[in-house]
Amino acid sequence: MIARIVVWVILLIVLPDVYLYVYVVRHHIRPLRWWITLLWWTTSVGMIGYTVGLSCVKSFIPDNFAWIEVYLFLAVILINPKAIFTVCSLVGSVWCRFRHTSINRGNRVGVILAGLSVLVSVYGLTVGPRKLHVTHVNLYFKDLPSEFEGYKIVQFSDAHVGTFNYLMDGILVHDVGRIIAQKADLICFTGDLVDVRASEIYPCRSTLARLARESGAPVYSILGNHDYSAYLNASPVEKKENEKELQNLERQLGWKLLMNEHAVIHRGNDSIVIGGEENEGSRRFPKKSDLSKTLRGVGPRAFLIMLQHDPTAWDDSIRPYSHARLTLCGHTHGGQIDIFGMRPTRLAYKEDNGLYQEKGRYLYVSSGIGALIPFRFGATPDIVVITLHRKSE
């Protein structure tokens, strides 16, 4: 993961350190003792070495994710604040020359913003991922079979259990308990169970198996982009074995994994259809979806609920080429940063978080319970409780 941007990260470490040492440390620390200089550059060299070391890892992320978590924590303490201060100071210097003044107010702004960045980052890495919001949604349909009035669906997404397995292992236990407590009629998982490897499931297998064993509800699941081997640095044979292992493990949890196929759920004399499509694969992600195969044999009057990891599929294929009444997606993590509705994912996705409606057809995009990078600020992890109702004529 670091290997893709290693040069930029090193520049982000070195350039602010050089600027701050030349224009701040040497000017404001008098006398400048040798051990202060040694300490200053030791931290820089240490972060460069850490960065280069991570970039040499063959896989997308190290086997022990704790190396990434420690790196992120050091980065928000040692790299980000310096970079922010440097930018503000440079802008202030340019402003001083333009206004012919010697007071660089950019330094003061830089100190404030650097301090805020530390607070936000520490919160986002420590508190944010540990929060969980239970979102309740009531949806009304004219064609909902009468036996399914009040039918309760719990959706969760993007577990990324490899992240939970190290410094955050208690979070998954808590989240699974909250899902079970909703007393759902149906539980749906909309992809990205792992980060890279199927083996990430083993440490938390008993926790995940509780969903099917203790909830009393069937658990239907689909695959997300991380559930294929796209991020695994291995031979084609090893990648295929990794995918098969993940699929087998998911089924051993008691989950019903749908791979471009559908299932019929009966209640009394009525039924609904759950369509589970593989990853849509827009942009750079694995494309495995096959909508026609998923819905083969599904009648046009069937009440259809679609599971798809990537929300772009709703506009690209599901809405135009199916009669799905409700589509459940994940993938975006709610942007992981949400400040007054401003999320980075809004730049790339038309529907990136929450509930969307178009002519009586609904899409819900979950922000998920996990993430590859365990950072959350404003975009709280969530599980979604959707209750279906029959709309009166």
Protein backbone atom coordinates (compact mmCIF):
# COMPACT_ATOMS: atom_id res chain seq x y z
CA MET A 1 0.00 0.00 0.00
CA ILE A 2 2.79 2.45 0.98
CA ALA A 3 4.88 1.36 -2.04
CA ARG A 4 2.49 3.15 -4.39
CA ILE A 5 3.18 6.55 -2.83
CA VAL A 6 6.53 6.03 -1.09
CA VAL A 7 8.32 8.90 -2.91
CA TRP A 8 5.58 11.38 -2.02
CA VAL A 9 5.50 10.26 1.60
CA ILE A 10 9.29 10.66 1.92
CA LEU A 11 9.06 14.16 0.44
CA LEU A 12 6.26 14.91 2.90
CA ILE A 13 8.62 13.91 5.71
CA VAL A 14 11.81 15.56 4.48
CA LEU A 15 10.70 18.92 3.07
CA PRO A 16 8.80 20.19 6.15
CA ASP A 17 11.64 19.00 8.42
CA VAL A 18 14.24 20.89 6.37
CA TYR A 19 12.10 24.04 6.29
CA LEU A 20 11.32 23.94 10.01
CA TYR A 21 14.92 23.24 10.98
CA VAL A 22 16.35 26.06 8.84
CA TYR A 23 13.72 28.73 9.46
CA VAL A 24 12.31 27.87 12.88
CA VAL A 25 14.55 25.62 15.00
CA ARG A 26 17.84 27.41 14.25
CA HIS A 27 16.27 30.85 14.66
CA HIS A 28 14.26 30.32 17.83
CA ILE A 29 16.21 27.78 19.89
CA ARG A 30 19.30 29.41 21.34
CA PRO A 31 21.69 27.92 22.09
CA LEU A 32 21.02 25.11 19.61
CA ARG A 33 22.66 22.16 21.33
CA TRP A 34 23.88 19.12 19.45
CA TRP A 35 21.43 16.74 21.07
CA ILE A 36 18.46 18.86 19.89
CA THR A 37 19.71 18.60 16.30
CA LEU A 38 20.31 14.88 16.74
CA LEU A 39 16.82 14.34 18.14
CA TRP A 40 15.24 16.37 15.34
CA TRP A 41 16.84 14.41 12.54
CA THR A 42 16.60 11.04 14.29
CA THR A 43 12.81 11.20 14.18
CA SER A 44 12.94 12.11 10.47
CA VAL A 45 15.35 9.32 9.60
CA GLY A 46 13.29 6.90 11.68
CA MET A 47 10.07 7.75 9.82
CA ILE A 48 11.84 7.49 6.46
CA GLY A 49 13.18 4.06 7.44
CA TYR A 50 9.71 2.96 8.63
CA THR A 51 8.20 4.16 5.35
CA VAL A 52 10.77 2.39 3.19
CA GLY A 53 10.38 -0.77 5.26
CA LEU A 54 6.61 -0.85 4.71
CA SER A 55 7.07 -0.15 1.00
CA CYS A 56 9.21 -3.29 0.73
CA VAL A 57 6.39 -5.53 1.93
CA LYS A 58 5.33 -7.67 -1.03
CA SER A 59 1.65 -7.75 -0.17
CA PHE A 60 -0.70 -4.77 -0.22
CA ILE A 61 -0.45 -4.59 3.57
CA PRO A 62 1.80 -6.41 6.11
CA ASP A 63 0.65 -9.72 7.58
CA ASN A 64 0.52 -8.01 10.97
CA PHE A 65 -1.72 -4.98 10.51
CA ALA A 66 -0.42 -3.48 13.75
CA TRP A 67 2.58 -2.21 11.76
CA ILE A 68 0.20 -0.02 9.72
CA GLU A 69 -1.71 1.18 12.78
CA VAL A 70 1.48 2.21 14.58
CA TYR A 71 2.72 3.93 11.42
CA LEU A 72 -0.51 5.90 11.07
CA PHE A 73 -0.35 7.02 14.69
CA LEU A 74 3.25 8.19 14.29
CA ALA A 75 2.35 9.93 11.03
CA VAL A 76 -0.41 12.02 12.60
CA ILE A 77 1.95 13.03 15.42
CA LEU A 78 5.20 13.56 13.52
CA ILE A 79 4.38 14.18 9.85
CA ASN A 80 0.98 15.82 9.38
CA PRO A 81 1.41 18.70 11.87
CA LYS A 82 4.80 19.67 10.43
CA ALA A 83 3.44 19.60 6.87
CA ILE A 84 0.42 21.73 7.80
CA PHE A 85 2.55 24.26 9.69
CA THR A 86 5.04 24.45 6.81
CA VAL A 87 2.34 25.20 4.24
CA CYS A 88 0.80 27.90 6.44
CA SER A 89 4.20 29.42 7.18
CA LEU A 90 5.16 29.51 3.50
CA VAL A 91 1.86 31.14 2.56
CA GLY A 92 2.41 33.64 5.37
CA SER A 93 5.91 34.41 4.10
CA VAL A 94 4.61 35.14 0.62
CA TRP A 95 1.93 37.36 2.14
CA CYS A 96 4.54 39.23 4.17
CA ARG A 97 6.55 40.03 1.07
CA PHE A 98 3.43 41.11 -0.80
CA ARG A 99 2.26 43.34 2.07
CA HIS A 100 5.77 44.48 3.07
CA THR A 101 5.38 43.39 6.69
CA SER A 102 7.61 41.36 8.97
CA ILE A 103 4.84 39.66 10.96
CA ASN A 104 4.16 36.19 9.58
CA ARG A 105 0.65 35.40 10.74
CA GLY A 106 0.85 32.13 8.87
CA ASN A 107 2.97 30.77 11.72
CA ARG A 108 0.18 31.37 14.22
CA VAL A 109 -2.44 29.89 11.91
CA GLY A 110 -0.11 26.95 11.29
CA VAL A 111 0.28 26.23 14.99
CA ILE A 112 -3.50 26.26 15.47
CA LEU A 113 -4.25 24.08 12.44
CA ALA A 114 -1.42 21.67 13.26
CA GLY A 115 -2.76 21.27 16.78
CA LEU A 116 -6.28 20.69 15.47
CA SER A 117 -4.99 18.10 13.00
CA VAL A 118 -3.41 16.15 15.85
CA LEU A 119 -6.63 16.21 17.88
CA VAL A 120 -8.78 15.19 14.91
CA SER A 121 -6.37 12.46 13.85
CA VAL A 122 -6.00 10.95 17.30
CA TYR A 123 -9.79 10.97 17.71
CA GLY A 124 -10.27 9.46 14.25
CA LEU A 125 -7.81 6.64 14.95
CA THR A 126 -8.85 5.84 18.52
CA VAL A 127 -12.45 6.88 19.26
CA GLY A 128 -14.07 7.09 15.82
CA PRO A 129 -13.74 3.41 14.79
CA ARG A 130 -15.08 2.26 18.16
CA LYS A 131 -18.41 4.05 17.84
CA LEU A 132 -21.40 2.33 16.26
CA HIS A 133 -24.65 3.93 15.16
CA VAL A 134 -27.79 1.86 14.66
CA THR A 135 -29.83 3.49 11.89
CA HIS A 136 -33.55 2.67 11.75
CA VAL A 137 -35.37 3.06 8.43
CA ASN A 138 -39.02 2.34 7.62
CA LEU A 139 -39.83 1.75 3.95
CA TYR A 140 -43.28 1.46 2.39
CA PHE A 141 -44.17 -0.48 -0.78
CA LYS A 142 -47.50 -1.01 -2.51
CA ASP A 143 -46.43 -4.41 -3.82
CA LEU A 144 -44.90 -5.82 -0.63
CA PRO A 145 -46.44 -9.27 0.01
CA SER A 146 -48.79 -8.99 2.97
CA GLU A 147 -47.03 -11.70 4.98
CA PHE A 148 -43.88 -9.53 5.00
CA GLU A 149 -45.49 -6.55 6.71
CA GLY A 150 -43.10 -5.47 9.47
CA TYR A 151 -40.29 -7.67 8.10
CA LYS A 152 -37.02 -6.50 9.66
CA ILE A 153 -33.74 -6.57 7.74
CA VAL A 154 -30.40 -5.75 9.34
CA GLN A 155 -27.66 -4.75 6.94
CA PHE A 156 -24.00 -4.50 7.84
CA SER A 157 -21.08 -4.05 5.51
CA ASP A 158 -17.32 -3.65 5.07
CA ALA A 159 -16.15 -5.52 8.16
CA HIS A 160 -12.48 -5.63 7.05
CA VAL A 161 -11.78 -8.10 9.85
CA GLY A 162 -8.02 -8.05 9.25
CA THR A 163 -8.02 -4.59 10.79
CA PHE A 164 -9.97 -5.78 13.83
CA ASN A 165 -7.64 -8.70 14.53
CA TYR A 166 -4.89 -6.70 16.21
CA LEU A 167 -5.31 -3.49 18.20
CA MET A 168 -9.10 -3.35 17.79
CA ASP A 169 -10.25 -6.93 18.27
CA GLY A 170 -12.94 -6.09 20.85
CA ILE A 171 -14.86 -3.86 18.43
CA LEU A 172 -16.08 -6.72 16.24
CA VAL A 173 -17.39 -8.64 19.27
CA HIS A 174 -19.35 -5.54 20.31
CA ASP A 175 -20.72 -4.92 16.81
CA VAL A 176 -21.86 -8.52 16.34
CA GLY A 177 -23.63 -8.33 19.68
CA ARG A 178 -25.46 -5.18 18.57
CA ILE A 179 -26.55 -6.86 15.33
CA ILE A 180 -27.94 -9.87 17.20
CA ALA A 181 -29.76 -7.57 19.63
CA GLN A 182 -31.86 -6.11 16.78
CA LYS A 183 -33.82 -9.40 16.53
CA ALA A 184 -33.90 -9.30 12.74
CA ASP A 185 -35.89 -11.50 10.39
CA LEU A 186 -33.02 -11.33 7.88
CA ILE A 187 -29.36 -10.27 8.13
CA CYS A 188 -27.52 -9.09 5.02
CA PHE A 189 -23.79 -8.53 4.67
CA THR A 190 -22.82 -6.47 1.63
CA GLY A 191 -19.17 -7.32 1.09
CA ASP A 192 -15.55 -6.71 2.08
CA LEU A 193 -15.24 -9.24 4.88
CA VAL A 194 -11.42 -9.18 4.72
CA ASP A 195 -8.65 -6.77 3.77
CA VAL A 196 -6.47 -9.06 1.65
CA ARG A 197 -6.30 -12.68 2.82
CA ALA A 198 -8.91 -15.29 3.68
CA SER A 199 -6.80 -16.27 6.71
CA GLU A 200 -7.87 -13.00 8.40
CA ILE A 201 -11.18 -14.71 9.19
CA TYR A 202 -9.69 -17.41 11.46
CA PRO A 203 -9.10 -15.29 14.61
CA CYS A 204 -12.68 -14.00 14.56
CA ARG A 205 -14.46 -17.03 13.11
CA SER A 206 -16.33 -17.85 16.33
CA THR A 207 -17.49 -14.23 16.67
CA LEU A 208 -18.83 -14.05 13.11
CA ALA A 209 -20.49 -17.47 13.41
CA ARG A 210 -22.63 -16.10 16.25
CA LEU A 211 -24.73 -14.17 13.72
CA ALA A 212 -26.25 -17.30 12.17
CA ARG A 213 -26.18 -19.31 15.39
CA GLU A 214 -27.69 -16.82 17.86
CA SER A 215 -29.79 -14.37 15.84
CA GLY A 216 -32.37 -16.88 14.64
CA ALA A 217 -32.31 -15.16 11.24
CA PRO A 218 -30.78 -16.32 7.97
CA VAL A 219 -27.60 -14.47 7.01
CA TYR A 220 -27.12 -13.71 3.32
CA SER A 221 -23.82 -12.30 2.07
CA ILE A 222 -22.03 -11.17 -1.07
CA LEU A 223 -18.41 -10.45 -1.96
CA GLY A 224 -16.78 -7.02 -2.13
CA ASN A 225 -13.70 -5.86 -3.99
CA HIS A 226 -11.41 -6.83 -1.08
CA ASP A 227 -12.85 -10.35 -1.01
CA TYR A 228 -11.17 -11.20 -4.28
CA SER A 229 -7.39 -11.48 -4.51
CA ALA A 230 -6.79 -8.19 -6.30
CA TYR A 231 -4.64 -6.89 -3.42
CA LEU A 232 -2.73 -10.12 -2.83
CA ASN A 233 0.78 -10.28 -4.28
CA ALA A 234 0.81 -13.94 -5.30
CA SER A 235 0.63 -16.26 -8.29
CA PRO A 236 -2.70 -16.75 -10.13
CA VAL A 237 -3.02 -20.19 -8.55
CA GLU A 238 -2.48 -18.84 -5.03
CA LYS A 239 -4.95 -16.04 -5.68
CA LYS A 240 -7.62 -18.48 -6.80
CA GLU A 241 -6.99 -20.67 -3.75
CA ASN A 242 -7.29 -17.62 -1.50
CA GLU A 243 -10.67 -16.77 -3.03
CA LYS A 244 -11.96 -20.33 -2.65
CA GLU A 245 -10.78 -20.44 0.97
CA LEU A 246 -12.63 -17.23 1.76
CA GLN A 247 -15.83 -18.47 0.14
CA ASN A 248 -15.64 -21.78 2.03
CA LEU A 249 -14.98 -20.02 5.33
CA GLU A 250 -17.90 -17.68 4.79
CA ARG A 251 -20.22 -20.62 4.21
CA GLN A 252 -18.80 -22.39 7.29
CA LEU A 253 -19.96 -19.40 9.33
CA GLY A 254 -23.48 -20.45 8.47
CA TRP A 255 -23.89 -17.60 6.00
CA LYS A 256 -25.57 -18.08 2.63
CA LEU A 257 -23.08 -16.63 0.16
CA LEU A 258 -24.72 -15.48 -3.08
CA MET A 259 -22.44 -15.22 -6.12
CA ASN A 260 -24.50 -13.92 -9.04
CA GLU A 261 -27.45 -15.96 -7.82
CA HIS A 262 -30.64 -15.47 -5.89
CA ALA A 263 -32.61 -17.06 -3.08
CA VAL A 264 -36.32 -17.14 -2.31
CA ILE A 265 -37.53 -16.46 1.22
CA HIS A 266 -40.98 -17.82 2.07
CA ARG A 267 -43.28 -16.53 4.76
CA GLY A 268 -46.70 -18.09 4.96
CA ASN A 269 -48.08 -18.19 1.41
CA ASP A 270 -45.91 -15.26 0.25
CA SER A 271 -42.29 -14.91 -0.78
CA ILE A 272 -39.60 -12.36 -1.60
CA VAL A 273 -36.41 -12.77 -3.63
CA ILE A 274 -32.89 -11.85 -2.46
CA GLY A 275 -30.54 -11.27 -5.38
CA GLY A 276 -26.85 -11.44 -4.54
CA GLU A 277 -24.66 -9.95 -7.25
CA GLU A 278 -20.87 -10.08 -7.27
CA ASN A 279 -18.82 -6.88 -7.27
CA GLU A 280 -19.78 -4.38 -9.97
CA GLY A 281 -16.15 -3.39 -10.47
CA SER A 282 -16.43 0.21 -11.58
CA ARG A 283 -13.17 2.07 -12.03
CA ARG A 284 -10.16 0.05 -10.80
CA PHE A 285 -11.98 -2.65 -8.82
CA PRO A 286 -12.62 -6.30 -9.76
CA LYS A 287 -15.64 -6.64 -12.06
CA LYS A 288 -17.46 -9.90 -11.44
CA SER A 289 -21.12 -8.87 -11.63
CA ASP A 290 -23.64 -10.60 -13.88
CA LEU A 291 -27.13 -9.24 -13.35
CA SER A 292 -28.85 -11.47 -15.91
CA LYS A 293 -27.37 -14.58 -14.29
CA THR A 294 -28.32 -13.34 -10.83
CA LEU A 295 -31.96 -12.89 -11.78
CA ARG A 296 -32.36 -15.87 -14.08
CA GLY A 297 -35.75 -17.43 -13.35
CA VAL A 298 -37.01 -14.48 -11.23
CA GLY A 299 -40.48 -13.43 -12.34
CA PRO A 300 -41.26 -9.77 -13.11
CA ARG A 301 -43.81 -9.56 -10.29
CA ALA A 302 -41.52 -10.96 -7.58
CA PHE A 303 -40.64 -8.56 -4.78
CA LEU A 304 -36.90 -8.26 -5.30
CA ILE A 305 -34.20 -7.07 -2.90
CA MET A 306 -30.71 -6.75 -4.40
CA LEU A 307 -27.39 -7.03 -2.58
CA GLN A 308 -24.45 -5.37 -4.36
CA HIS A 309 -21.22 -4.08 -2.86
CA ASP A 310 -20.64 -1.12 -5.18
CA PRO A 311 -23.41 1.53 -5.19
CA THR A 312 -22.60 2.67 -8.75
CA ALA A 313 -24.40 -0.48 -9.90
CA TRP A 314 -27.73 1.02 -8.84
CA ASP A 315 -27.64 3.62 -11.62
CA ASP A 316 -25.56 1.60 -14.07
CA SER A 317 -27.49 -1.67 -14.13
CA ILE A 318 -29.82 -2.52 -11.26
CA ARG A 319 -32.31 0.32 -11.69
CA PRO A 320 -32.39 0.29 -15.52
CA TYR A 321 -32.34 -3.49 -16.04
CA SER A 322 -34.12 -5.00 -13.04
CA HIS A 323 -37.28 -4.46 -11.03
CA ALA A 324 -35.51 -4.42 -7.64
CA ARG A 325 -37.53 -2.50 -5.08
CA LEU A 326 -34.69 -2.21 -2.58
CA THR A 327 -30.92 -2.36 -3.13
CA LEU A 328 -28.39 -2.63 -0.31
CA CYS A 329 -24.77 -1.56 -0.88
CA GLY A 330 -21.60 -0.64 1.00
CA HIS A 331 -18.06 0.00 -0.25
CA THR A 332 -17.75 3.76 0.43
CA HIS A 333 -17.39 3.64 4.26
CA GLY A 334 -19.36 6.88 4.27
CA GLY A 335 -16.16 8.62 3.17
CA GLN A 336 -14.68 7.87 6.65
CA ILE A 337 -14.58 11.66 7.10
CA ASP A 338 -17.81 13.63 7.20
CA ILE A 339 -17.75 17.30 8.15
CA PHE A 340 -21.17 18.95 7.85
CA GLY A 341 -22.09 16.61 5.00
CA MET A 342 -18.80 17.11 3.15
CA ARG A 343 -17.34 13.70 2.38
CA PRO A 344 -14.48 12.79 0.04
CA THR A 345 -16.59 10.02 -1.52
CA ARG A 346 -19.10 12.57 -2.80
CA LEU A 347 -16.51 13.50 -5.42
CA ALA A 348 -16.55 9.98 -6.87
CA TYR A 349 -20.02 8.58 -6.11
CA LYS A 350 -23.45 9.98 -6.85
CA GLU A 351 -24.89 7.87 -4.03
CA ASP A 352 -22.25 7.43 -1.35
CA ASN A 353 -23.98 7.18 2.03
CA GLY A 354 -27.47 6.68 3.42
CA LEU A 355 -30.90 6.34 1.81
CA TYR A 356 -31.76 7.25 -1.78
CA GLN A 357 -35.11 7.01 -3.56
CA GLU A 358 -36.14 7.09 -7.19
CA LYS A 359 -39.77 6.56 -8.18
CA GLY A 360 -40.57 4.33 -5.24
CA ARG A 361 -37.37 2.28 -5.53
CA TYR A 362 -34.79 2.55 -2.77
CA LEU A 363 -31.05 2.31 -2.34
CA TYR A 364 -29.31 2.21 1.02
CA VAL A 365 -25.53 2.67 1.13
CA SER A 366 -24.12 1.62 4.49
CA SER A 367 -21.03 3.31 5.89
CA GLY A 368 -19.93 -0.12 7.16
CA ILE A 369 -18.52 -1.22 10.49
CA GLY A 370 -14.84 -1.28 9.55
CA ALA A 371 -12.27 -0.06 7.06
CA LEU A 372 -8.84 -0.98 5.73
CA ILE A 373 -7.48 2.19 7.38
CA PRO A 374 -9.12 2.35 10.83
CA PHE A 375 -9.95 6.07 10.77
CA ARG A 376 -13.37 7.63 11.30
CA PHE A 377 -14.26 11.26 11.89
CA GLY A 378 -17.90 12.20 11.51
CA ALA A 379 -18.67 9.13 9.36
CA THR A 380 -19.69 6.85 12.21
CA PRO A 381 -19.67 3.07 11.59
CA ASP A 382 -23.22 1.82 11.30
CA ILE A 383 -25.59 -1.07 11.06
CA VAL A 384 -28.91 -0.45 9.34
CA VAL A 385 -32.26 -1.78 10.51
CA ILE A 386 -34.77 -1.61 7.66
CA THR A 387 -38.39 -2.46 8.39
CA LEU A 388 -40.61 -3.21 5.40
CA HIS A 389 -44.22 -2.05 5.37
CA ARG A 390 -47.10 -2.50 2.97
CA LYS A 391 -48.38 0.85 1.74
CA SER A 392 -52.13 1.10 1.87
CA GLU A 393 -53.91 1.85 -1.40
